């Protein structure tokens, strides 16, 4: 792993051991750090409006998980634990000793696992449209069926089916640019990465039993119309995490940061200001 002098801007490259990671790094050198972790099967560009909103007051980093966006796939079998190891190696390469994490969906799984296993590296946690449970047997079977469907019918058909679950119905009329951008992210993800990540999601371990041990400030955000991780899942996590805050975003589905960016950013700003992260 090579330590790198800080560069600022978008689509930068960090060379880790056996892996090159693509990332954006914007904001003041001496500001608090927020690392945004994207959902599946997307990439760092899903956070563009958050980067723009916070780069004047925070050091804002968004990166592509291995195999997604412009990051290398590497040779290891994908797992949430591997993604967490990548995150820590990435932070080490950028010489970031401590940061706030903001993860959506799969990014939330990674964030929860990272905070559980490396609590000293994080000073706040923002969980967006995510959950702490492991996949049920039915959910695992569904992911395996999805892998077969992608092999048979192709990525574009998978993308079109995914959009219906990712966005609230109202977004298809009012957020056409965002819907098109997400479709583009999905179809530009390789079939290999889609399959490997679906296996990683199916094999993940639960983190619900560790929620009560979280000692840092936590904000939970969820779209009111989220079909994949509905608000009741967020309420359960909110009840388990000491002093956690929960905010439900109106007119948003699973991609609440893209569907309701103004309210999403407002709640994040309140959270990081109150907790003196900037």
C-alpha atoms as a PDB file:
ATOM      1  CA  UNK A   1       0.000   0.000   0.000  1.00  0.00           C
ATOM      2  CA  UNK A   2       1.381   3.385  -0.998  1.00  0.00           C
ATOM      3  CA  UNK A   3       0.702   6.485   1.061  1.00  0.00           C
ATOM      4  CA  UNK A   4      -0.281   9.305  -1.261  1.00  0.00           C
ATOM      5  CA  UNK A   5      -0.063  13.053  -0.907  1.00  0.00           C
ATOM      6  CA  UNK A   6      -3.550  14.506  -0.904  1.00  0.00           C
ATOM      7  CA  UNK A   7      -4.996  15.413  -4.262  1.00  0.00           C
ATOM      8  CA  UNK A   8      -8.349  17.130  -4.591  1.00  0.00           C
ATOM      9  CA  UNK A   9     -10.985  16.776  -7.258  1.00  0.00           C
ATOM     10  CA  UNK A  10     -12.933  13.981  -8.901  1.00  0.00           C
ATOM     11  CA  UNK A  11     -12.051  10.610 -10.406  1.00  0.00           C
ATOM     12  CA  UNK A  12      -8.774  10.354  -8.516  1.00  0.00           C
ATOM     13  CA  UNK A  13      -6.930   7.047  -8.117  1.00  0.00           C
ATOM     14  CA  UNK A  14      -5.623   5.461  -4.931  1.00  0.00           C
ATOM     15  CA  UNK A  15      -3.356   2.434  -5.300  1.00  0.00           C
ATOM     16  CA  UNK A  16      -3.976  -0.019  -2.485  1.00  0.00           C
ATOM     17  CA  UNK A  17      -2.455  -3.457  -2.156  1.00  0.00           C
ATOM     18  CA  UNK A  18      -3.728  -5.439  -5.179  1.00  0.00           C
ATOM     19  CA  UNK A  19      -6.417  -2.839  -5.869  1.00  0.00           C
ATOM     20  CA  UNK A  20      -6.852   0.610  -7.411  1.00  0.00           C
ATOM     21  CA  UNK A  21      -9.767   2.634  -6.054  1.00  0.00           C
ATOM     22  CA  UNK A  22     -11.443   5.547  -7.842  1.00  0.00           C
ATOM     23  CA  UNK A  23     -12.613   8.381  -5.603  1.00  0.00           C
ATOM     24  CA  UNK A  24     -13.569  12.034  -5.276  1.00  0.00           C
ATOM     25  CA  UNK A  25     -11.958  14.163  -2.565  1.00  0.00           C
ATOM     26  CA  UNK A  26     -13.148  17.731  -2.075  1.00  0.00           C
ATOM     27  CA  UNK A  27     -13.130  20.309   0.707  1.00  0.00           C
ATOM     28  CA  UNK A  28     -10.755  21.997   3.140  1.00  0.00           C
ATOM     29  CA  UNK A  29      -7.656  20.141   4.325  1.00  0.00           C
ATOM     30  CA  UNK A  30      -8.308  20.769   8.021  1.00  0.00           C
ATOM     31  CA  UNK A  31     -12.062  20.070   8.012  1.00  0.00           C
ATOM     32  CA  UNK A  32     -13.846  17.050   9.426  1.00  0.00           C
ATOM     33  CA  UNK A  33     -13.985  14.101   7.018  1.00  0.00           C
ATOM     34  CA  UNK A  34     -17.180  12.458   5.733  1.00  0.00           C
ATOM     35  CA  UNK A  35     -16.850   9.335   3.596  1.00  0.00           C
ATOM     36  CA  UNK A  36     -19.865   8.421   1.464  1.00  0.00           C
ATOM     37  CA  UNK A  37     -20.371   4.751   0.551  1.00  0.00           C
ATOM     38  CA  UNK A  38     -22.721   4.033  -2.336  1.00  0.00           C
ATOM     39  CA  UNK A  39     -25.385   1.396  -2.724  1.00  0.00           C
ATOM     40  CA  UNK A  40     -25.618  -1.579  -5.086  1.00  0.00           C
ATOM     41  CA  UNK A  41     -25.237  -1.624  -8.041  1.00  0.00           C
ATOM     42  CA  UNK A  42     -24.300   2.029  -8.260  1.00  0.00           C
ATOM     43  CA  UNK A  43     -21.157   4.127  -7.885  1.00  0.00           C
ATOM     44  CA  UNK A  44     -19.788   7.254  -6.225  1.00  0.00           C
ATOM     45  CA  UNK A  45     -21.615   9.607  -8.591  1.00  0.00           C
ATOM     46  CA  UNK A  46     -24.863   8.919  -6.723  1.00  0.00           C
ATOM     47  CA  UNK A  47     -23.476  11.269  -4.036  1.00  0.00           C
ATOM     48  CA  UNK A  48     -22.813  14.239  -6.360  1.00  0.00           C
ATOM     49  CA  UNK A  49     -25.409  16.485  -4.717  1.00  0.00           C
ATOM     50  CA  UNK A  50     -24.074  15.685  -1.261  1.00  0.00           C
ATOM     51  CA  UNK A  51     -20.495  16.391  -2.327  1.00  0.00           C
ATOM     52  CA  UNK A  52     -21.605  19.726  -3.749  1.00  0.00           C
ATOM     53  CA  UNK A  53     -23.580  20.586  -0.614  1.00  0.00           C
ATOM     54  CA  UNK A  54     -20.835  19.866   1.921  1.00  0.00           C
ATOM     55  CA  UNK A  55     -17.515  20.469   0.178  1.00  0.00           C
ATOM     56  CA  UNK A  56     -17.235  24.066   1.440  1.00  0.00           C
ATOM     57  CA  UNK A  57     -17.334  23.073   5.107  1.00  0.00           C
ATOM     58  CA  UNK A  58     -16.252  19.408   5.189  1.00  0.00           C
ATOM     59  CA  UNK A  59     -13.675  17.224   3.564  1.00  0.00           C
ATOM     60  CA  UNK A  60     -16.023  15.096   1.496  1.00  0.00           C
ATOM     61  CA  UNK A  61     -14.922  11.783   0.016  1.00  0.00           C
ATOM     62  CA  UNK A  62     -16.980   9.473  -2.184  1.00  0.00           C
ATOM     63  CA  UNK A  63     -15.379   6.329  -3.575  1.00  0.00           C
ATOM     64  CA  UNK A  64     -16.240   3.394  -5.817  1.00  0.00           C
ATOM     65  CA  UNK A  65     -16.461   0.040  -4.065  1.00  0.00           C
ATOM     66  CA  UNK A  66     -14.305  -2.566  -5.806  1.00  0.00           C
ATOM     67  CA  UNK A  67     -15.791  -3.660  -9.135  1.00  0.00           C
ATOM     68  CA  UNK A  68     -18.159  -0.684  -9.228  1.00  0.00           C
ATOM     69  CA  UNK A  69     -17.653   2.571 -11.105  1.00  0.00           C
ATOM     70  CA  UNK A  70     -13.984   2.922 -11.981  1.00  0.00           C
ATOM     71  CA  UNK A  71     -12.483   0.840  -9.166  1.00  0.00           C
ATOM     72  CA  UNK A  72     -10.737  -2.436  -9.944  1.00  0.00           C
ATOM     73  CA  UNK A  73     -12.447  -5.737  -9.183  1.00  0.00           C
ATOM     74  CA  UNK A  74      -9.432  -7.408  -7.642  1.00  0.00           C
ATOM     75  CA  UNK A  75      -9.139 -11.197  -7.440  1.00  0.00           C
ATOM     76  CA  UNK A  76     -10.761 -12.031  -4.086  1.00  0.00           C
ATOM     77  CA  UNK A  77     -14.301 -13.305  -3.612  1.00  0.00           C
ATOM     78  CA  UNK A  78     -16.506 -10.364  -2.688  1.00  0.00           C
ATOM     79  CA  UNK A  79     -17.831 -10.051   0.851  1.00  0.00           C
ATOM     80  CA  UNK A  80     -18.896  -7.238   3.156  1.00  0.00           C
ATOM     81  CA  UNK A  81     -15.799  -7.966   5.251  1.00  0.00           C
ATOM     82  CA  UNK A  82     -13.599  -7.544   2.160  1.00  0.00           C
ATOM     83  CA  UNK A  83     -15.298  -4.245   1.344  1.00  0.00           C
ATOM     84  CA  UNK A  84     -14.619  -3.083   4.915  1.00  0.00           C
ATOM     85  CA  UNK A  85     -10.966  -4.066   4.633  1.00  0.00           C
ATOM     86  CA  UNK A  86     -10.815  -2.042   1.407  1.00  0.00           C
ATOM     87  CA  UNK A  87     -12.323   0.954   3.206  1.00  0.00           C
ATOM     88  CA  UNK A  88      -9.765   0.820   6.012  1.00  0.00           C
ATOM     89  CA  UNK A  89      -6.890   0.385   3.545  1.00  0.00           C
ATOM     90  CA  UNK A  90      -8.257   3.309   1.535  1.00  0.00           C
ATOM     91  CA  UNK A  91      -8.411   5.504   4.653  1.00  0.00           C
ATOM     92  CA  UNK A  92      -4.866   4.478   5.553  1.00  0.00           C
ATOM     93  CA  UNK A  93      -3.638   5.336   2.060  1.00  0.00           C
ATOM     94  CA  UNK A  94      -5.181   8.801   2.356  1.00  0.00           C
ATOM     95  CA  UNK A  95      -3.795   9.100   5.911  1.00  0.00           C
ATOM     96  CA  UNK A  96      -7.287   9.567   7.375  1.00  0.00           C
ATOM     97  CA  UNK A  97      -7.222   8.422  10.979  1.00  0.00           C
ATOM     98  CA  UNK A  98     -10.868   9.196  11.744  1.00  0.00           C
ATOM     99  CA  UNK A  99     -13.983   9.985   9.702  1.00  0.00           C
ATOM    100  CA  UNK A 100     -17.748  10.078   9.722  1.00  0.00           C
ATOM    101  CA  UNK A 101     -19.330   7.410   7.535  1.00  0.00           C
ATOM    102  CA  UNK A 102     -22.474   7.821   5.445  1.00  0.00           C
ATOM    103  CA  UNK A 103     -23.639   4.618   3.763  1.00  0.00           C
ATOM    104  CA  UNK A 104     -26.765   3.886   1.754  1.00  0.00           C
ATOM    105  CA  UNK A 105     -28.162   0.359   1.431  1.00  0.00           C
ATOM    106  CA  UNK A 106     -25.093  -1.845   0.778  1.00  0.00           C
ATOM    107  CA  UNK A 107     -23.016   1.143   1.864  1.00  0.00           C
ATOM    108  CA  UNK A 108     -24.869   0.951   5.176  1.00  0.00           C
ATOM    109  CA  UNK A 109     -23.934  -2.720   5.576  1.00  0.00           C
ATOM    110  CA  UNK A 110     -20.306  -1.776   5.046  1.00  0.00           C
ATOM    111  CA  UNK A 111     -20.535   1.184   7.424  1.00  0.00           C
ATOM    112  CA  UNK A 112     -22.130  -0.877  10.204  1.00  0.00           C
ATOM    113  CA  UNK A 113     -19.517  -3.610   9.871  1.00  0.00           C
ATOM    114  CA  UNK A 114     -16.700  -1.049   9.814  1.00  0.00           C
ATOM    115  CA  UNK A 115     -17.937   0.722  12.953  1.00  0.00           C
ATOM    116  CA  UNK A 116     -18.368  -2.625  14.704  1.00  0.00           C
ATOM    117  CA  UNK A 117     -14.848  -3.841  13.889  1.00  0.00           C
ATOM    118  CA  UNK A 118     -12.903  -0.569  13.807  1.00  0.00           C
ATOM    119  CA  UNK A 119     -14.768   1.706  16.253  1.00  0.00           C
ATOM    120  CA  UNK A 120     -11.698   3.858  16.889  1.00  0.00           C
ATOM    121  CA  UNK A 121     -11.632   4.984  13.237  1.00  0.00           C
ATOM    122  CA  UNK A 122     -15.056   6.643  13.156  1.00  0.00           C
ATOM    123  CA  UNK A 123     -16.648   9.579  14.950  1.00  0.00           C
ATOM    124  CA  UNK A 124     -20.186   9.479  13.494  1.00  0.00           C
ATOM    125  CA  UNK A 125     -22.443   7.249  11.425  1.00  0.00           C
ATOM    126  CA  UNK A 126     -25.211   8.073   8.962  1.00  0.00           C
ATOM    127  CA  UNK A 127     -27.283   5.085   7.888  1.00  0.00           C
ATOM    128  CA  UNK A 128     -29.471   5.607   4.822  1.00  0.00           C
ATOM    129  CA  UNK A 129     -32.125   3.208   3.528  1.00  0.00           C
ATOM    130  CA  UNK A 130     -30.358   0.191   4.968  1.00  0.00           C
ATOM    131  CA  UNK A 131     -30.846  -2.601   7.492  1.00  0.00           C
ATOM    132  CA  UNK A 132     -28.948  -4.710  10.004  1.00  0.00           C
ATOM    133  CA  UNK A 133     -30.495  -8.127   9.318  1.00  0.00           C
ATOM    134  CA  UNK A 134     -28.955 -10.871   7.239  1.00  0.00           C
ATOM    135  CA  UNK A 135     -30.771 -12.245   4.212  1.00  0.00           C
ATOM    136  CA  UNK A 136     -33.555 -14.719   4.862  1.00  0.00           C
ATOM    137  CA  UNK A 137     -33.442 -18.032   3.027  1.00  0.00           C
ATOM    138  CA  UNK A 138     -36.035 -16.636   0.632  1.00  0.00           C
ATOM    139  CA  UNK A 139     -33.974 -13.496   0.010  1.00  0.00           C
ATOM    140  CA  UNK A 140     -30.837 -15.550  -0.643  1.00  0.00           C
ATOM    141  CA  UNK A 141     -32.702 -17.700  -3.143  1.00  0.00           C
ATOM    142  CA  UNK A 142     -33.990 -14.558  -4.822  1.00  0.00           C
ATOM    143  CA  UNK A 143     -30.455 -13.207  -5.206  1.00  0.00           C
ATOM    144  CA  UNK A 144     -29.299 -16.481  -6.764  1.00  0.00           C
ATOM    145  CA  UNK A 145     -32.261 -16.351  -9.146  1.00  0.00           C
ATOM    146  CA  UNK A 146     -31.298 -12.777 -10.035  1.00  0.00           C
ATOM    147  CA  UNK A 147     -27.783 -13.918 -10.943  1.00  0.00           C
ATOM    148  CA  UNK A 148     -29.240 -16.504 -13.298  1.00  0.00           C
ATOM    149  CA  UNK A 149     -31.630 -13.941 -14.746  1.00  0.00           C
ATOM    150  CA  UNK A 150     -28.766 -11.532 -15.486  1.00  0.00           C
ATOM    151  CA  UNK A 151     -26.836 -14.315 -17.235  1.00  0.00           C
ATOM    152  CA  UNK A 152     -29.882 -15.232 -19.291  1.00  0.00           C
ATOM    153  CA  UNK A 153     -31.502 -11.881 -20.067  1.00  0.00           C
ATOM    154  CA  UNK A 154     -28.670  -9.376 -19.695  1.00  0.00           C
ATOM    155  CA  UNK A 155     -27.894  -6.361 -17.559  1.00  0.00           C
ATOM    156  CA  UNK A 156     -30.294  -3.918 -19.232  1.00  0.00           C
ATOM    157  CA  UNK A 157     -33.354  -5.961 -18.348  1.00  0.00           C
ATOM    158  CA  UNK A 158     -32.064  -6.264 -14.799  1.00  0.00           C
ATOM    159  CA  UNK A 159     -31.555  -2.497 -14.670  1.00  0.00           C
ATOM    160  CA  UNK A 160     -35.100  -1.755 -15.795  1.00  0.00           C
ATOM    161  CA  UNK A 161     -36.544  -4.143 -13.219  1.00  0.00           C
ATOM    162  CA  UNK A 162     -34.356  -2.660 -10.473  1.00  0.00           C
ATOM    163  CA  UNK A 163     -35.446   0.915 -11.132  1.00  0.00           C
ATOM    164  CA  UNK A 164     -39.034   0.068 -10.166  1.00  0.00           C
ATOM    165  CA  UNK A 165     -37.851  -0.910  -6.676  1.00  0.00           C
ATOM    166  CA  UNK A 166     -35.179   1.736  -6.218  1.00  0.00           C
ATOM    167  CA  UNK A 167     -37.359   4.802  -6.816  1.00  0.00           C
ATOM    168  CA  UNK A 168     -40.666   5.994  -5.411  1.00  0.00           C
ATOM    169  CA  UNK A 169     -43.415   6.100  -8.089  1.00  0.00           C
ATOM    170  CA  UNK A 170     -43.472   9.906  -8.054  1.00  0.00           C
ATOM    171  CA  UNK A 171     -39.778  10.019  -8.956  1.00  0.00           C
ATOM    172  CA  UNK A 172     -40.365   8.585 -12.422  1.00  0.00           C
ATOM    173  CA  UNK A 173     -42.147  11.827 -13.317  1.00  0.00           C
ATOM    174  CA  UNK A 174     -40.208  14.352 -11.252  1.00  0.00           C
ATOM    175  CA  UNK A 175     -36.701  12.874 -11.201  1.00  0.00           C
ATOM    176  CA  UNK A 176     -36.172  11.687 -14.752  1.00  0.00           C
ATOM    177  CA  UNK A 177     -32.534  12.801 -14.842  1.00  0.00           C
ATOM    178  CA  UNK A 178     -31.794  10.839 -11.652  1.00  0.00           C
ATOM    179  CA  UNK A 179     -33.628   7.759 -12.916  1.00  0.00           C
ATOM    180  CA  UNK A 180     -31.662   7.854 -16.162  1.00  0.00           C
ATOM    181  CA  UNK A 181     -28.395   8.320 -14.269  1.00  0.00           C
ATOM    182  CA  UNK A 182     -29.066   5.310 -12.043  1.00  0.00           C
ATOM    183  CA  UNK A 183     -29.977   3.169 -15.044  1.00  0.00           C
ATOM    184  CA  UNK A 184     -26.680   4.175 -16.641  1.00  0.00           C
ATOM    185  CA  UNK A 185     -24.766   3.255 -13.480  1.00  0.00           C
ATOM    186  CA  UNK A 186     -26.346  -0.194 -13.431  1.00  0.00           C
ATOM    187  CA  UNK A 187     -25.825  -1.070 -17.088  1.00  0.00           C
ATOM    188  CA  UNK A 188     -22.196   0.072 -16.840  1.00  0.00           C
ATOM    189  CA  UNK A 189     -21.575  -2.409 -14.017  1.00  0.00           C
ATOM    190  CA  UNK A 190     -20.118  -5.672 -15.295  1.00  0.00           C
ATOM    191  CA  UNK A 191     -22.092  -8.890 -15.089  1.00  0.00           C
ATOM    192  CA  UNK A 192     -19.238 -10.355 -13.048  1.00  0.00           C
ATOM    193  CA  UNK A 193     -19.425  -7.577 -10.459  1.00  0.00           C
ATOM    194  CA  UNK A 194     -23.220  -7.814 -10.278  1.00  0.00           C
ATOM    195  CA  UNK A 195     -23.048 -11.565  -9.634  1.00  0.00           C
ATOM    196  CA  UNK A 196     -20.159 -11.377  -7.164  1.00  0.00           C
ATOM    197  CA  UNK A 197     -21.803  -8.583  -5.200  1.00  0.00           C
ATOM    198  CA  UNK A 198     -25.159 -10.355  -5.077  1.00  0.00           C
ATOM    199  CA  UNK A 199     -23.343 -13.342  -3.552  1.00  0.00           C
ATOM    200  CA  UNK A 200     -21.654 -11.027  -1.034  1.00  0.00           C
ATOM    201  CA  UNK A 201     -25.008  -9.526  -0.050  1.00  0.00           C
ATOM    202  CA  UNK A 202     -26.557 -12.980   0.300  1.00  0.00           C
ATOM    203  CA  UNK A 203     -23.703 -14.103   2.529  1.00  0.00           C
ATOM    204  CA  UNK A 204     -23.530 -11.104   4.827  1.00  0.00           C
ATOM    205  CA  UNK A 205     -23.901 -11.511   8.596  1.00  0.00           C
ATOM    206  CA  UNK A 206     -26.413  -9.679  10.735  1.00  0.00           C
ATOM    207  CA  UNK A 207     -25.296  -6.653  12.729  1.00  0.00           C
ATOM    208  CA  UNK A 208     -28.505  -6.092  14.718  1.00  0.00           C
ATOM    209  CA  UNK A 209     -27.084  -7.759  17.816  1.00  0.00           C
ATOM    210  CA  UNK A 210     -24.265  -5.171  17.906  1.00  0.00           C
ATOM    211  CA  UNK A 211     -26.346  -2.006  17.489  1.00  0.00           C
ATOM    212  CA  UNK A 212     -26.589  -1.342  21.228  1.00  0.00           C
ATOM    213  CA  UNK A 213     -22.778  -1.208  21.400  1.00  0.00           C
ATOM    214  CA  UNK A 214     -22.452   1.753  19.028  1.00  0.00           C
ATOM    215  CA  UNK A 215     -21.041   4.679  21.018  1.00  0.00           C
ATOM    216  CA  UNK A 216     -20.832   7.408  18.362  1.00  0.00           C
ATOM    217  CA  UNK A 217     -23.606   9.752  17.135  1.00  0.00           C
ATOM    218  CA  UNK A 218     -25.934   8.069  14.620  1.00  0.00           C
ATOM    219  CA  UNK A 219     -28.425   9.528  12.158  1.00  0.00           C
ATOM    220  CA  UNK A 220     -30.809   7.216  10.307  1.00  0.00           C
ATOM    221  CA  UNK A 221     -32.450   8.449   7.111  1.00  0.00           C
ATOM    222  CA  UNK A 222     -35.020   6.546   5.065  1.00  0.00           C
ATOM    223  CA  UNK A 223     -37.423   7.279   2.253  1.00  0.00           C
ATOM    224  CA  UNK A 224     -41.055   7.032   3.281  1.00  0.00           C
ATOM    225  CA  UNK A 225     -41.763   4.958   0.166  1.00  0.00           C
ATOM    226  CA  UNK A 226     -38.693   2.734   0.358  1.00  0.00           C
ATOM    227  CA  UNK A 227     -39.793  -0.730  -0.810  1.00  0.00           C
ATOM    228  CA  UNK A 228     -36.469  -2.464  -0.163  1.00  0.00           C
ATOM    229  CA  UNK A 229     -35.716  -1.297   3.385  1.00  0.00           C
ATOM    230  CA  UNK A 230     -38.987   0.299   4.541  1.00  0.00           C
ATOM    231  CA  UNK A 231     -39.241   2.801   7.422  1.00  0.00           C
ATOM    232  CA  UNK A 232     -40.188   0.172   9.992  1.00  0.00           C
ATOM    233  CA  UNK A 233     -36.730  -1.372   9.538  1.00  0.00           C
ATOM    234  CA  UNK A 234     -35.146   1.993  10.296  1.00  0.00           C
ATOM    235  CA  UNK A 235     -37.392   2.439  13.321  1.00  0.00           C
ATOM    236  CA  UNK A 236     -36.175  -0.877  14.693  1.00  0.00           C
ATOM    237  CA  UNK A 237     -32.538   0.163  14.315  1.00  0.00           C
ATOM    238  CA  UNK A 238     -33.310   3.539  15.847  1.00  0.00           C
ATOM    239  CA  UNK A 239     -34.761   1.825  18.908  1.00  0.00           C
ATOM    240  CA  UNK A 240     -31.644  -0.324  19.329  1.00  0.00           C
ATOM    241  CA  UNK A 241     -28.905   2.275  18.838  1.00  0.00           C
ATOM    242  CA  UNK A 242     -28.371   4.505  21.900  1.00  0.00           C
ATOM    243  CA  UNK A 243     -29.424   8.115  21.246  1.00  0.00           C
ATOM    244  CA  UNK A 244     -29.806   7.570  17.498  1.00  0.00           C
ATOM    245  CA  UNK A 245     -31.876  10.032  15.490  1.00  0.00           C
ATOM    246  CA  UNK A 246     -34.355   8.992  12.795  1.00  0.00           C
ATOM    247  CA  UNK A 247     -35.744  11.093   9.972  1.00  0.00           C
ATOM    248  CA  UNK A 248     -38.185   9.836   7.329  1.00  0.00           C
ATOM    249  CA  UNK A 249     -38.005  11.633   3.996  1.00  0.00           C
ATOM    250  CA  UNK A 250     -41.270  12.313   2.184  1.00  0.00           C
ATOM    251  CA  UNK A 251     -41.621  11.561  -1.533  1.00  0.00           C
ATOM    252  CA  UNK A 252     -38.554   9.326  -1.561  1.00  0.00           C
ATOM    253  CA  UNK A 253     -37.958   5.641  -2.108  1.00  0.00           C
ATOM    254  CA  UNK A 254     -34.761   3.633  -1.630  1.00  0.00           C
ATOM    255  CA  UNK A 255     -32.481   6.298  -3.102  1.00  0.00           C
ATOM    256  CA  UNK A 256     -33.532   9.037  -0.717  1.00  0.00           C
ATOM    257  CA  UNK A 257     -30.396  11.141  -1.193  1.00  0.00           C
ATOM    258  CA  UNK A 258     -31.132  11.449  -4.921  1.00  0.00           C
ATOM    259  CA  UNK A 259     -34.917  11.686  -4.691  1.00  0.00           C
ATOM    260  CA  UNK A 260     -35.097  14.211  -1.862  1.00  0.00           C
ATOM    261  CA  UNK A 261     -31.643  15.826  -1.854  1.00  0.00           C
ATOM    262  CA  UNK A 262     -32.629  19.144  -0.272  1.00  0.00           C
ATOM    263  CA  UNK A 263     -34.218  17.547   2.805  1.00  0.00           C
ATOM    264  CA  UNK A 264     -31.563  14.823   2.956  1.00  0.00           C
ATOM    265  CA  UNK A 265     -28.765  17.402   2.946  1.00  0.00           C
ATOM    266  CA  UNK A 266     -30.593  19.562   5.477  1.00  0.00           C
ATOM    267  CA  UNK A 267     -30.813  16.701   7.968  1.00  0.00           C
ATOM    268  CA  UNK A 268     -27.183  15.716   7.444  1.00  0.00           C
ATOM    269  CA  UNK A 269     -26.084  19.325   7.932  1.00  0.00           C
ATOM    270  CA  UNK A 270     -28.034  19.609  11.191  1.00  0.00           C
ATOM    271  CA  UNK A 271     -26.527  16.335  12.391  1.00  0.00           C
ATOM    272  CA  UNK A 272     -22.910  17.181  11.601  1.00  0.00           C
ATOM    273  CA  UNK A 273     -23.287  20.706  13.002  1.00  0.00           C
ATOM    274  CA  UNK A 274     -24.870  19.615  16.293  1.00  0.00           C
ATOM    275  CA  UNK A 275     -22.222  16.923  16.722  1.00  0.00           C
ATOM    276  CA  UNK A 276     -19.424  19.357  15.827  1.00  0.00           C
ATOM    277  CA  UNK A 277     -18.109  17.319  12.931  1.00  0.00           C
ATOM    278  CA  UNK A 278     -17.323  20.468  10.920  1.00  0.00           C
END
